[in-house]
Each structure stands twice: as C-alpha cells, then as structure tokens.
Amino acid sequence: MRINLPTWLTLFRVALLPVMVAVFYLPFPGHNITAAIVFVLAAFTDWLDGYLARRMNLTSAFGAFLDPVADKLMVAVTLFLLVESHHSNGWSGVVMAVTAAVIVGREISVSALREWMAEIGMRAAVKVAFVGKLKTVMQMVALVVLIVQHEKEATALRLYHIGEDLLVIAGVLTIWSGLYYLRAAG
C-alpha cells in the first residue's frame, strides 16, 4: 500500500494527539495556548487532507477509512481532557460531561451506521451533510475556546462560559445530525 500526501496528513493528525495531551498537562506558562495551537493545527490538517485528496484526485480506501477515525479520535481525546480537567461539581460540570457523552456517543453511532450501510451497499445514503459540517465547525471552535480557557482564570471565566455554550450548541447539532443520518439510512 502506497501512502499519499493526504493520508500522511491524516497520520500526522493522529500523531499530534499525544503531543496535545502532553502539552495540555505540562505546567509551563502558556501551555493552554500551545495545546490549542496543536489542536488547531490538527483541525487544519483535517481540512487540508480532504481538500488535497479531492483537488489532486488522491483519494484512497485507506485514507477514506483513516480520516474519520482521526477526526473522532481528535474530538474524543479533547473532550476527555476537558471533562477531566473541569473541576466543577455543579451544574456546569454535569452539562460538560453530558454534552461530551452525547458527542462521543453520536460519533460512535454514526460510524457504526456508516459501516453497516457500506456492508449493505448503501454507504452513499449516509454521506456527510451540511448539518454534520456545521456541527464539526461548532465543535472545533468550542473546543479551541475551552482548551485555551480550561484553567478558568477569573479574568477568562466569561470566555470559558462562551466555550461551554458553544459546546452545548455543538451537542444539539450533534443530535440533529445523528437523527438526520438515521433518517437517511432508513
């Protein structure tokens, strides 16, 4: 199997995950900004690998398999980091944990649905829809804000709450897109 440029970018995105985790936890000034930059770089490679694959006609079966796996790993790992570092026992912590569970659960469910639809020769019925792309953009913006502000300094608390609100909106879009894909499959 020959690995092309878009697939190398996808593999690079997967390799960035342990880097982001390490930077997220390392106690140096600006570690949260650095972790957010690593996340943004990974998110950019998600866009770039798809663009290059389509533009240069470099699609491959392995790349088509690996790209959504890398995307889901990136989102799930980041959500786990944020839920674990969210030191609130109040309503805010519950909302963060439930939203993360909804997002991860939807990602697993839609992946399984796509796999099943491919098995019965109907993968095209559950191709990516606009609501799914909107959900992804909302997740990425929310996650960047939350990574940057995960320590919830008093001066940044408002921005952190905006990140939480954006994540809840992403959660609602997640449910909506999941229902869309279920309906498309039915």
Protein backbone atom coordinates (compact mmCIF):
# COMPACT_ATOMS: atom_id res chain seq x y z
CA MET A 1 0.00 0.00 0.00
CA ARG A 2 1.35 3.37 -1.03
CA ILE A 3 0.58 6.28 1.29
CA ASN A 4 -0.21 9.57 -0.43
CA LEU A 5 0.08 13.15 0.87
CA PRO A 6 -3.49 13.44 2.23
CA THR A 7 -3.04 10.19 4.15
CA TRP A 8 0.29 11.38 5.55
CA LEU A 9 -1.52 14.50 6.78
CA THR A 10 -4.14 12.30 8.44
CA LEU A 11 -1.41 10.21 10.09
CA PHE A 12 0.24 13.46 11.23
CA ARG A 13 -3.08 14.49 12.81
CA VAL A 14 -3.16 11.23 14.77
CA ALA A 15 0.47 11.76 15.84
CA LEU A 16 -0.44 15.24 17.14
CA LEU A 17 -2.86 13.77 19.69
CA PRO A 18 -0.26 12.63 22.26
CA VAL A 19 1.57 15.92 21.72
CA MET A 20 -1.59 17.87 22.54
CA VAL A 21 -2.27 15.72 25.61
CA ALA A 22 1.28 16.21 26.92
CA VAL A 23 1.23 19.96 26.31
CA PHE A 24 -2.24 20.23 27.89
CA TYR A 25 -0.89 18.82 31.17
CA LEU A 26 2.67 20.17 31.24
CA PRO A 27 2.98 23.02 33.74
CA PHE A 28 4.64 25.77 31.73
CA PRO A 29 3.39 29.29 31.04
CA GLY A 30 1.14 29.28 28.00
CA HIS A 31 0.66 25.53 27.89
CA ASN A 32 -3.05 26.00 27.24
CA ILE A 33 -2.38 28.30 24.27
CA THR A 34 0.19 25.82 22.96
CA ALA A 35 -2.28 22.92 23.32
CA ALA A 36 -4.89 24.97 21.46
CA ILE A 37 -2.38 25.69 18.67
CA VAL A 38 -1.65 21.96 18.35
CA PHE A 39 -5.41 21.30 18.21
CA VAL A 40 -5.91 24.00 15.55
CA LEU A 41 -3.02 22.53 13.53
CA ALA A 42 -4.67 19.10 13.73
CA ALA A 43 -8.04 20.59 12.72
CA PHE A 44 -6.37 22.38 9.80
CA THR A 45 -4.83 19.13 8.57
CA ASP A 46 -8.36 17.66 8.65
CA TRP A 47 -9.50 20.29 6.18
CA LEU A 48 -6.27 20.19 4.15
CA ASP A 49 -6.13 16.42 3.66
CA GLY A 50 -9.69 16.38 2.32
CA TYR A 51 -9.05 19.37 0.08
CA LEU A 52 -5.88 17.85 -1.37
CA ALA A 53 -7.46 14.42 -1.81
CA ARG A 54 -10.30 15.92 -3.85
CA ARG A 55 -8.27 18.58 -5.67
CA MET A 56 -5.39 16.30 -6.66
CA ASN A 57 -7.53 13.16 -7.04
CA LEU A 58 -5.51 11.40 -4.33
CA THR A 59 -8.31 9.53 -2.65
CA SER A 60 -7.64 6.05 -1.32
CA ALA A 61 -9.59 3.41 0.54
CA PHE A 62 -7.14 3.62 3.45
CA GLY A 63 -7.39 7.41 3.57
CA ALA A 64 -11.20 7.25 3.44
CA PHE A 65 -11.11 4.86 6.41
CA LEU A 66 -8.44 6.69 8.43
CA ASP A 67 -9.68 10.28 8.05
CA PRO A 68 -12.94 9.92 10.03
CA VAL A 69 -11.15 7.77 12.62
CA ALA A 70 -8.56 10.53 13.11
CA ASP A 71 -11.33 13.14 13.38
CA LYS A 72 -13.21 11.17 16.01
CA LEU A 73 -10.05 10.47 17.99
CA MET A 74 -9.16 14.16 17.96
CA VAL A 75 -12.59 15.22 19.24
CA ALA A 76 -12.96 12.40 21.77
CA VAL A 77 -9.49 12.83 23.29
CA THR A 78 -10.01 16.58 23.59
CA LEU A 79 -13.42 16.14 25.20
CA PHE A 80 -11.98 13.64 27.69
CA LEU A 81 -9.20 16.11 28.59
CA LEU A 82 -11.70 18.89 29.12
CA VAL A 83 -14.16 16.83 31.16
CA GLU A 84 -11.33 15.51 33.34
CA SER A 85 -9.91 18.98 33.91
CA HIS A 86 -13.34 20.53 34.58
CA HIS A 87 -13.21 20.88 38.35
CA SER A 88 -16.82 21.90 38.84
CA ASN A 89 -19.12 19.64 40.77
CA GLY A 90 -22.07 21.84 39.92
CA TRP A 91 -24.44 22.06 37.01
CA SER A 92 -21.66 23.25 34.69
CA GLY A 93 -19.72 20.01 35.22
CA VAL A 94 -22.81 17.91 34.56
CA VAL A 95 -23.57 19.80 31.35
CA MET A 96 -19.96 19.42 30.16
CA ALA A 97 -19.91 15.66 30.87
CA VAL A 98 -23.34 15.01 29.32
CA THR A 99 -22.51 17.06 26.22
CA ALA A 100 -19.21 15.20 25.81
CA ALA A 101 -21.02 11.86 26.17
CA VAL A 102 -23.61 12.88 23.56
CA ILE A 103 -20.92 13.96 21.11
CA VAL A 104 -18.77 10.84 21.56
CA GLY A 105 -21.83 8.58 21.51
CA ARG A 106 -23.07 10.13 18.27
CA GLU A 107 -19.63 9.78 16.66
CA ILE A 108 -19.50 6.08 17.52
CA SER A 109 -23.11 5.52 16.43
CA VAL A 110 -22.77 7.31 13.09
CA SER A 111 -19.51 5.50 12.38
CA ALA A 112 -21.22 2.18 13.05
CA LEU A 113 -24.18 3.25 10.91
CA ARG A 114 -21.87 4.15 8.02
CA GLU A 115 -20.06 0.83 8.37
CA TRP A 116 -23.35 -1.05 8.33
CA MET A 117 -24.62 0.93 5.35
CA ALA A 118 -21.38 0.17 3.50
CA GLU A 119 -21.85 -3.53 4.26
CA ILE A 120 -25.26 -3.50 2.60
CA GLY A 121 -24.01 -1.40 -0.33
CA MET A 122 -25.73 1.85 0.66
CA ARG A 123 -22.89 3.97 2.06
CA ALA A 124 -23.86 6.90 -0.18
CA ALA A 125 -27.16 7.18 1.70
CA VAL A 126 -25.29 8.45 4.79
CA LYS A 127 -22.76 10.78 3.16
CA VAL A 128 -21.73 13.90 5.06
CA ALA A 129 -24.49 16.51 5.17
CA PHE A 130 -24.33 20.26 5.78
CA VAL A 131 -25.61 19.87 9.35
CA GLY A 132 -22.71 17.48 10.02
CA LYS A 133 -20.21 20.02 8.70
CA LEU A 134 -21.81 22.77 10.77
CA LYS A 135 -21.61 20.51 13.84
CA THR A 136 -17.91 19.93 13.18
CA VAL A 137 -17.14 23.64 12.86
CA MET A 138 -19.06 24.42 16.07
CA GLN A 139 -17.22 21.61 17.91
CA MET A 140 -13.82 22.83 16.75
CA VAL A 141 -14.48 26.45 17.77
CA ALA A 142 -15.90 25.38 21.15
CA LEU A 143 -13.01 23.02 21.83
CA VAL A 144 -10.37 25.63 20.98
CA VAL A 145 -12.01 28.15 23.34
CA LEU A 146 -12.26 25.53 26.10
CA ILE A 147 -8.66 24.37 25.66
CA VAL A 148 -7.41 27.95 25.89
CA GLN A 149 -9.54 28.67 28.94
CA HIS A 150 -9.59 25.28 30.66
CA GLU A 151 -7.93 26.65 33.78
CA LYS A 152 -10.83 29.09 34.15
CA GLU A 153 -8.87 32.07 35.42
CA ALA A 154 -11.19 34.70 36.88
CA THR A 155 -10.47 37.14 34.03
CA ALA A 156 -11.27 34.49 31.41
CA LEU A 157 -14.35 32.99 33.03
CA ARG A 158 -16.75 34.71 30.60
CA LEU A 159 -14.87 33.32 27.58
CA TYR A 160 -14.88 29.88 29.20
CA HIS A 161 -18.66 30.04 29.58
CA ILE A 162 -18.95 31.06 25.94
CA GLY A 163 -16.95 27.94 25.08
CA GLU A 164 -19.32 25.84 27.19
CA ASP A 165 -22.32 27.40 25.45
CA LEU A 166 -20.79 26.73 22.04
CA LEU A 167 -20.16 23.12 23.05
CA VAL A 168 -23.81 22.73 24.08
CA ILE A 169 -24.85 24.15 20.69
CA ALA A 170 -22.47 21.65 19.08
CA GLY A 171 -24.16 18.94 21.18
CA VAL A 172 -27.58 19.96 19.86
CA LEU A 173 -26.23 19.95 16.29
CA THR A 174 -24.70 16.56 17.06
CA ILE A 175 -28.11 15.14 17.97
CA TRP A 176 -29.71 16.80 14.95
CA SER A 177 -27.08 15.45 12.53
CA GLY A 178 -27.25 12.00 14.12
CA LEU A 179 -31.01 11.92 13.62
CA TYR A 180 -30.51 13.14 10.06
CA TYR A 181 -28.16 10.23 9.32
CA LEU A 182 -30.50 7.72 10.95
CA ARG A 183 -33.37 9.01 8.85
CA ALA A 184 -31.23 8.94 5.68
CA ALA A 185 -30.33 5.31 6.42
CA GLY A 186 -33.95 4.31 6.97
